[in-house]
């Protein structure tokens, strides 16, 4: 990794233009079939925004206490608010197309952080894998909260690379305010040291508290209602691999998921592989989440692509390919004996463990490979 953002050399401009054209064309190819089976979950977001703006009992700042099934943060509610006054179908289509477009934007932004040869080729290969899976979260499910969390996480990588700890803190707080599982991204701030780190932690804490405190002050039951909300444990959840026989989310599961993500992220930062923090947090989610929705895979594949492009240096994005095959493509394959529900659970654990081991066993970067204090 460079000490700062890598500029585009004049000789690279034609290759970069071709790369952009190819990735946007590939994105257009995939968004069309996904729109035919789109927005499985989109309705939650305009609903949440209407509740936030409403005056009935359970509306306004009481909404999380009254509707704990809305498992996303206040920033997601605000992001969906401009679409509330639009007719549902046009607003939905506009939102889904915007979420789909963010996939190529995030991938192309990584070009500024990449070093070494064949950057355009590596990015193209990663994009060919990531974009179809990205449309699962962006278009098929329309999960605004996960898209915001992942997008803000990638933006925070840029802020860290540019040695801007306060901006990184704001972006990371926003990611957590969009979707609580992104709280684990905060360990990216450990790249900094001394006073910049302390200031960044203060800004991060203020950003998270400012988003959630009004709801907690207005309805103190928000904490208990959200904390006690559970979902069924899917038959293919990796929790079964660890002997969890509960039918619904165990009470220790969410805290354990956060702590595991934080711990793995700290290990990545200590090894000098801070761009892999996103992958570490997503890996913790894969192995400890009771649900196994296909859109979880979108975060895993994007995070694997970030690690491939910024850390491994391989021309072929091996981690990205493995994540897409083991977590996503197998769902469309005929189900032989090995791909029963327990088999899928083992695949999740195997991928997560392999990804974590790969990152931790990578050679430490040299002097030009880690971001230092401004």
Protein backbone atom coordinates (compact mmCIF):
# COMPACT_ATOMS: atom_id res chain seq x y z
CA UNK A 1 0.00 0.00 0.00
CA UNK A 2 1.24 3.50 -0.77
CA UNK A 3 1.73 6.21 1.84
CA UNK A 4 -0.88 8.29 0.02
CA UNK A 5 -3.28 8.04 -2.88
CA UNK A 6 -1.65 6.99 -6.14
CA UNK A 7 -2.20 9.45 -9.02
CA UNK A 8 -3.05 8.24 -12.50
CA UNK A 9 -0.11 8.64 -14.88
CA UNK A 10 -0.89 10.14 -18.32
CA UNK A 11 0.13 6.88 -20.00
CA UNK A 12 -2.47 5.03 -17.95
CA UNK A 13 -5.40 7.20 -19.02
CA UNK A 14 -6.37 5.17 -22.15
CA UNK A 15 -6.28 1.92 -20.16
CA UNK A 16 -8.32 3.49 -17.40
CA UNK A 17 -10.93 4.72 -19.86
CA UNK A 18 -11.24 1.23 -21.34
CA UNK A 19 -11.53 -0.21 -17.85
CA UNK A 20 -14.34 2.17 -16.97
CA UNK A 21 -16.18 1.39 -20.17
CA UNK A 22 -15.91 -2.37 -19.65
CA UNK A 23 -17.00 -2.28 -16.01
CA UNK A 24 -19.97 -0.02 -16.69
CA UNK A 25 -21.02 -2.18 -19.64
CA UNK A 26 -20.73 -5.30 -17.47
CA UNK A 27 -22.81 -3.60 -14.77
CA UNK A 28 -25.50 -2.72 -17.31
CA UNK A 29 -25.65 -6.32 -18.49
CA UNK A 30 -26.34 -7.61 -15.00
CA UNK A 31 -28.70 -4.98 -13.67
CA UNK A 32 -31.38 -5.85 -16.24
CA UNK A 33 -32.09 -9.46 -15.14
CA UNK A 34 -31.85 -8.49 -11.48
CA UNK A 35 -34.47 -5.75 -11.94
CA UNK A 36 -36.89 -8.47 -13.00
CA UNK A 37 -36.64 -10.07 -9.54
CA UNK A 38 -35.84 -6.97 -7.52
CA UNK A 39 -36.49 -5.22 -4.22
CA UNK A 40 -37.21 -8.17 -1.94
CA UNK A 41 -36.53 -5.97 1.09
CA UNK A 42 -36.72 -2.41 -0.24
CA UNK A 43 -40.13 -1.77 1.35
CA UNK A 44 -38.57 -1.64 4.84
CA UNK A 45 -36.69 1.58 4.06
CA UNK A 46 -39.49 3.89 2.86
CA UNK A 47 -41.60 2.38 5.66
CA UNK A 48 -38.98 3.32 8.24
CA UNK A 49 -38.68 6.84 6.84
CA UNK A 50 -42.45 7.32 6.95
CA UNK A 51 -42.51 6.14 10.55
CA UNK A 52 -39.70 8.56 11.41
CA UNK A 53 -41.69 11.45 9.92
CA UNK A 54 -45.06 10.31 11.31
CA UNK A 55 -47.02 11.49 14.35
CA UNK A 56 -48.91 8.33 15.33
CA UNK A 57 -48.02 6.28 18.42
CA UNK A 58 -44.80 4.36 17.70
CA UNK A 59 -43.68 6.91 15.10
CA UNK A 60 -40.93 9.49 15.28
CA UNK A 61 -38.20 8.79 17.79
CA UNK A 62 -40.23 5.87 19.20
CA UNK A 63 -39.93 3.87 15.99
CA UNK A 64 -37.09 1.54 17.03
CA UNK A 65 -38.80 0.69 20.31
CA UNK A 66 -42.10 0.05 18.52
CA UNK A 67 -40.64 -1.62 15.43
CA UNK A 68 -37.50 -3.57 16.43
CA UNK A 69 -37.66 -5.48 13.15
CA UNK A 70 -36.14 -2.38 11.50
CA UNK A 71 -32.58 -3.55 12.03
CA UNK A 72 -30.83 -0.60 10.42
CA UNK A 73 -29.56 2.71 11.69
CA UNK A 74 -30.79 6.31 11.60
CA UNK A 75 -28.54 7.24 8.68
CA UNK A 76 -30.34 4.71 6.50
CA UNK A 77 -33.66 6.27 7.47
CA UNK A 78 -32.39 9.71 6.46
CA UNK A 79 -30.99 8.37 3.18
CA UNK A 80 -34.38 6.90 2.25
CA UNK A 81 -36.35 10.00 3.26
CA UNK A 82 -36.02 11.92 -0.06
CA UNK A 83 -37.81 9.04 -1.80
CA UNK A 84 -40.80 8.97 0.55
CA UNK A 85 -42.81 11.55 -1.41
CA UNK A 86 -42.24 9.80 -4.76
CA UNK A 87 -44.67 7.15 -6.04
CA UNK A 88 -43.47 3.82 -4.69
CA UNK A 89 -42.47 2.12 -7.95
CA UNK A 90 -40.51 5.03 -9.52
CA UNK A 91 -38.82 5.74 -6.19
CA UNK A 92 -37.90 2.09 -5.81
CA UNK A 93 -36.44 1.85 -9.34
CA UNK A 94 -34.47 5.07 -8.91
CA UNK A 95 -33.03 3.81 -5.63
CA UNK A 96 -32.12 0.37 -6.99
CA UNK A 97 -30.34 1.82 -10.01
CA UNK A 98 -28.37 4.16 -7.74
CA UNK A 99 -27.38 1.28 -5.46
CA UNK A 100 -26.33 -0.83 -8.45
CA UNK A 101 -24.22 2.02 -9.84
CA UNK A 102 -22.32 2.27 -6.57
CA UNK A 103 -20.69 -1.12 -7.24
CA UNK A 104 -18.59 0.02 -10.24
CA UNK A 105 -17.91 3.33 -8.49
CA UNK A 106 -16.42 1.58 -5.45
CA UNK A 107 -14.34 -0.76 -7.59
CA UNK A 108 -12.96 2.02 -9.78
CA UNK A 109 -12.10 4.07 -6.71
CA UNK A 110 -9.74 1.29 -5.60
CA UNK A 111 -7.53 2.06 -8.61
CA UNK A 112 -6.16 5.06 -6.70
CA UNK A 113 -5.03 2.82 -3.85
CA UNK A 114 -3.43 0.07 -5.94
CA UNK A 115 0.28 -0.34 -6.59
CA UNK A 116 2.32 -2.61 -8.85
CA UNK A 117 1.87 -3.72 -12.42
CA UNK A 118 -1.27 -4.70 -14.35
CA UNK A 119 -3.57 -2.64 -12.15
CA UNK A 120 -6.25 -2.24 -14.80
CA UNK A 121 -6.20 -5.95 -15.64
CA UNK A 122 -6.43 -6.94 -11.98
CA UNK A 123 -9.26 -4.52 -11.37
CA UNK A 124 -11.16 -5.73 -14.43
CA UNK A 125 -10.91 -9.37 -13.35
CA UNK A 126 -12.09 -8.50 -9.86
CA UNK A 127 -14.94 -6.42 -11.26
CA UNK A 128 -16.16 -9.25 -13.47
CA UNK A 129 -16.65 -11.31 -10.31
CA UNK A 130 -17.86 -8.62 -7.91
CA UNK A 131 -20.48 -6.81 -9.99
CA UNK A 132 -22.94 -9.72 -10.51
CA UNK A 133 -22.82 -10.53 -6.80
CA UNK A 134 -23.05 -6.84 -5.85
CA UNK A 135 -26.41 -6.64 -7.60
CA UNK A 136 -27.72 -9.25 -5.16
CA UNK A 137 -27.58 -6.75 -2.29
CA UNK A 138 -28.18 -3.64 -4.40
CA UNK A 139 -30.97 -4.71 -6.75
CA UNK A 140 -32.43 -8.10 -5.84
CA UNK A 141 -32.78 -7.31 -2.14
CA UNK A 142 -32.43 -3.52 -2.34
CA UNK A 143 -30.65 -3.40 1.01
CA UNK A 144 -29.86 0.28 1.34
CA UNK A 145 -28.34 -0.20 4.81
CA UNK A 146 -25.73 -2.79 3.78
CA UNK A 147 -24.84 -0.82 0.65
CA UNK A 148 -24.30 2.32 2.72
CA UNK A 149 -22.19 0.45 5.29
CA UNK A 150 -19.97 -1.12 2.64
CA UNK A 151 -19.66 2.05 0.60
CA UNK A 152 -18.75 4.14 3.62
CA UNK A 153 -16.27 1.46 4.68
CA UNK A 154 -14.48 1.70 1.33
CA UNK A 155 -14.56 5.51 1.56
CA UNK A 156 -12.93 5.22 4.98
CA UNK A 157 -10.09 3.22 3.41
CA UNK A 158 -9.41 6.19 1.15
CA UNK A 159 -9.41 8.55 4.13
CA UNK A 160 -6.94 6.33 5.97
CA UNK A 161 -4.69 6.10 2.91
CA UNK A 162 -4.82 9.89 2.59
CA UNK A 163 -3.82 10.22 6.28
CA UNK A 164 -7.00 11.97 7.31
CA UNK A 165 -7.98 10.40 10.64
CA UNK A 166 -10.90 12.74 11.41
CA UNK A 167 -12.51 12.16 8.02
CA UNK A 168 -11.98 8.42 8.47
CA UNK A 169 -13.69 8.63 11.87
CA UNK A 170 -16.70 10.46 10.41
CA UNK A 171 -17.07 7.91 7.60
CA UNK A 172 -16.72 4.94 9.96
CA UNK A 173 -19.29 6.39 12.36
CA UNK A 174 -21.64 6.90 9.42
CA UNK A 175 -21.16 3.25 8.39
CA UNK A 176 -22.15 2.13 11.91
CA UNK A 177 -25.08 4.56 11.87
CA UNK A 178 -26.27 2.93 8.65
CA UNK A 179 -25.96 -0.70 9.80
CA UNK A 180 -24.83 -1.75 13.31
CA UNK A 181 -22.72 -4.72 12.12
CA UNK A 182 -20.30 -2.15 10.62
CA UNK A 183 -19.23 -1.11 14.14
CA UNK A 184 -16.27 -3.47 13.72
CA UNK A 185 -14.80 -1.22 11.00
CA UNK A 186 -13.70 1.18 13.76
CA UNK A 187 -10.40 -0.69 14.20
CA UNK A 188 -9.22 1.01 10.99
CA UNK A 189 -8.51 4.00 13.21
CA UNK A 190 -5.75 2.01 14.95
CA UNK A 191 -3.61 2.68 11.87
CA UNK A 192 -3.02 6.09 13.42
CA UNK A 193 -1.11 6.75 16.61
CA UNK A 194 -0.98 9.25 19.44
CA UNK A 195 -3.07 12.41 19.34
CA UNK A 196 -4.58 11.81 15.87
CA UNK A 197 -5.87 8.44 17.09
CA UNK A 198 -7.41 9.91 20.24
CA UNK A 199 -9.06 12.71 18.27
CA UNK A 200 -10.40 10.22 15.72
CA UNK A 201 -11.85 7.98 18.43
CA UNK A 202 -13.56 11.00 19.98
CA UNK A 203 -15.08 12.03 16.65
CA UNK A 204 -16.18 8.45 15.98
CA UNK A 205 -17.86 8.10 19.37
CA UNK A 206 -19.57 11.47 18.96
CA UNK A 207 -20.86 10.44 15.52
CA UNK A 208 -22.36 7.19 16.79
CA UNK A 209 -23.85 8.74 19.92
CA UNK A 210 -25.33 11.70 18.03
CA UNK A 211 -27.23 9.35 15.71
CA UNK A 212 -28.67 7.05 18.35
CA UNK A 213 -29.00 9.22 21.48
CA UNK A 214 -32.23 11.01 20.45
CA UNK A 215 -33.98 7.65 20.08
CA UNK A 216 -32.64 6.40 23.40
CA UNK A 217 -33.63 9.55 25.28
CA UNK A 218 -37.12 9.58 23.80
CA UNK A 219 -37.72 5.83 24.24
CA UNK A 220 -35.28 4.14 26.67
CA UNK A 221 -36.90 0.81 25.77
CA UNK A 222 -35.15 1.10 22.39
CA UNK A 223 -32.08 -0.69 23.77
CA UNK A 224 -33.94 -3.67 25.17
CA UNK A 225 -36.34 -3.98 22.25
CA UNK A 226 -33.56 -3.95 19.66
CA UNK A 227 -31.32 -6.16 21.78
CA UNK A 228 -34.02 -8.78 22.32
CA UNK A 229 -35.15 -8.93 18.68
CA UNK A 230 -34.25 -12.33 17.25
CA UNK A 231 -34.53 -14.14 13.95
CA UNK A 232 -34.62 -17.89 13.21
CA UNK A 233 -31.28 -19.67 12.91
CA UNK A 234 -31.06 -20.83 9.29
CA UNK A 235 -30.29 -24.52 8.66
CA UNK A 236 -27.18 -23.49 6.69
CA UNK A 237 -25.96 -21.03 9.32
CA UNK A 238 -22.40 -21.59 10.46
CA UNK A 239 -23.68 -21.49 14.05
CA UNK A 240 -24.70 -25.13 13.60
CA UNK A 241 -21.05 -26.02 12.95
CA UNK A 242 -20.25 -24.73 16.45
CA UNK A 243 -22.97 -26.82 18.04
CA UNK A 244 -25.57 -24.06 18.49
CA UNK A 245 -28.91 -25.83 18.64
CA UNK A 246 -31.03 -22.75 19.34
CA UNK A 247 -34.02 -22.13 17.12
CA UNK A 248 -33.65 -18.35 17.29
CA UNK A 249 -30.72 -15.98 17.75
CA UNK A 250 -28.91 -16.78 21.02
CA UNK A 251 -28.57 -13.73 23.33
CA UNK A 252 -24.77 -13.86 23.18
CA UNK A 253 -24.58 -14.02 19.40
CA UNK A 254 -24.57 -10.34 18.36
CA UNK A 255 -22.02 -9.24 21.01
CA UNK A 256 -19.80 -12.21 20.08
CA UNK A 257 -20.04 -11.30 16.40
CA UNK A 258 -18.94 -7.72 17.13
CA UNK A 259 -16.08 -8.80 19.41
CA UNK A 260 -14.82 -11.37 16.89
CA UNK A 261 -14.86 -8.78 14.10
CA UNK A 262 -13.00 -6.29 16.29
CA UNK A 263 -10.43 -8.87 17.32
CA UNK A 264 -9.75 -10.06 13.77
CA UNK A 265 -9.57 -6.46 12.58
CA UNK A 266 -7.00 -5.61 15.24
CA UNK A 267 -4.87 -8.56 14.13
CA UNK A 268 -5.02 -7.34 10.53
CA UNK A 269 -3.96 -3.83 11.52
CA UNK A 270 -1.11 -5.15 13.68
CA UNK A 271 0.14 -7.14 10.69
CA UNK A 272 0.08 -3.98 8.59
CA UNK A 273 -2.81 -5.29 6.48
CA UNK A 274 -5.40 -2.68 7.44
CA UNK A 275 -7.28 -2.77 4.08
CA UNK A 276 -8.40 -6.26 5.12
CA UNK A 277 -10.38 -4.95 8.11
CA UNK A 278 -13.56 -5.00 6.02
CA UNK A 279 -12.95 -8.66 5.15
CA UNK A 280 -12.27 -9.55 8.79
CA UNK A 281 -15.51 -7.98 9.99
CA UNK A 282 -17.51 -9.64 7.20
CA UNK A 283 -15.88 -12.99 8.04
CA UNK A 284 -17.06 -12.64 11.63
CA UNK A 285 -20.54 -11.93 10.34
CA UNK A 286 -20.47 -15.02 8.13
CA UNK A 287 -19.57 -17.42 10.92
CA UNK A 288 -21.73 -15.99 13.71
CA UNK A 289 -24.84 -14.64 12.03
CA UNK A 290 -27.99 -16.75 12.38
CA UNK A 291 -29.13 -15.80 8.86
CA UNK A 292 -27.54 -16.75 5.54
CA UNK A 293 -29.19 -14.39 3.09
CA UNK A 294 -27.46 -14.25 -0.31
CA UNK A 295 -26.88 -10.51 0.05
CA UNK A 296 -24.41 -11.22 2.88
CA UNK A 297 -22.18 -12.63 0.16
CA UNK A 298 -22.05 -9.26 -1.62
CA UNK A 299 -20.15 -7.77 1.31
CA UNK A 300 -17.83 -10.77 1.47
CA UNK A 301 -17.00 -10.64 -2.24
CA UNK A 302 -16.40 -6.87 -2.21
CA UNK A 303 -14.23 -7.11 0.90
CA UNK A 304 -12.28 -10.00 -0.64
CA UNK A 305 -11.72 -7.91 -3.78
CA UNK A 306 -10.37 -5.05 -1.64
CA UNK A 307 -7.91 -7.46 -0.01
CA UNK A 308 -6.94 -8.99 -3.37
CA UNK A 309 -6.35 -5.65 -5.08
CA UNK A 310 -4.61 -3.85 -2.23
CA UNK A 311 -2.75 -6.60 -0.43
CA UNK A 312 -2.14 -9.85 -2.31
CA UNK A 313 -0.79 -8.39 -5.56
CA UNK A 314 -1.95 -11.41 -7.55
CA UNK A 315 -3.17 -10.80 -11.10
CA UNK A 316 -6.01 -13.28 -10.66
CA UNK A 317 -8.19 -12.26 -7.68
CA UNK A 318 -8.09 -15.61 -5.92
CA UNK A 319 -9.85 -14.58 -2.70
CA UNK A 320 -12.57 -12.87 -4.70
CA UNK A 321 -13.15 -15.91 -6.88
CA UNK A 322 -13.18 -18.30 -3.93
CA UNK A 323 -15.66 -16.14 -2.03
CA UNK A 324 -18.00 -15.91 -5.03
CA UNK A 325 -17.87 -19.66 -5.69
CA UNK A 326 -18.10 -21.01 -2.14
CA UNK A 327 -20.64 -18.50 -0.82
CA UNK A 328 -22.75 -17.62 -3.85
CA UNK A 329 -22.38 -19.80 -6.94
CA UNK A 330 -22.99 -23.02 -4.99
CA UNK A 331 -26.54 -21.86 -4.34
CA UNK A 332 -27.33 -22.33 -8.02
CA UNK A 333 -25.63 -25.69 -8.40
CA UNK A 334 -27.47 -29.02 -8.12
CA UNK A 335 -27.37 -30.07 -4.49
CA UNK A 336 -25.19 -33.16 -4.22
CA UNK A 337 -24.47 -34.76 -0.89
CA UNK A 338 -21.73 -32.31 0.10
CA UNK A 339 -23.98 -29.29 -0.49
CA UNK A 340 -26.72 -30.14 1.96
CA UNK A 341 -27.56 -27.41 4.46
CA UNK A 342 -24.80 -28.57 6.87
CA UNK A 343 -22.44 -28.66 3.91
CA UNK A 344 -23.23 -25.02 3.11
CA UNK A 345 -22.60 -24.14 6.75
CA UNK A 346 -19.17 -25.78 6.59
CA UNK A 347 -18.41 -23.89 3.38
CA UNK A 348 -19.08 -20.60 5.18
CA UNK A 349 -16.77 -21.53 8.01
CA UNK A 350 -14.10 -22.82 5.65
CA UNK A 351 -14.10 -19.66 3.55
CA UNK A 352 -14.04 -17.36 6.58
CA UNK A 353 -11.18 -19.29 8.22
CA UNK A 354 -9.23 -19.46 4.96
CA UNK A 355 -9.65 -15.74 4.28
CA UNK A 356 -8.53 -14.80 7.79
CA UNK A 357 -5.53 -17.14 7.60
CA UNK A 358 -4.55 -15.79 4.18
CA UNK A 359 -4.53 -12.21 5.45
CA UNK A 360 -2.66 -12.98 8.65
CA UNK A 361 -0.03 -15.06 6.86
CA UNK A 362 0.71 -12.43 4.22
CA UNK A 363 4.17 -10.93 4.41
CA UNK A 364 4.27 -7.67 6.35
CA UNK A 365 4.44 -4.64 4.06
CA UNK A 366 7.68 -2.72 3.76
CA UNK A 367 8.23 0.92 4.56
CA UNK A 368 6.10 2.12 1.64
CA UNK A 369 3.35 -0.28 2.54
CA UNK A 370 1.76 1.19 5.63
CA UNK A 371 0.15 4.48 6.44
CA UNK A 372 1.92 6.56 9.07
CA UNK A 373 0.74 9.44 11.20
CA UNK A 374 0.30 12.74 9.34
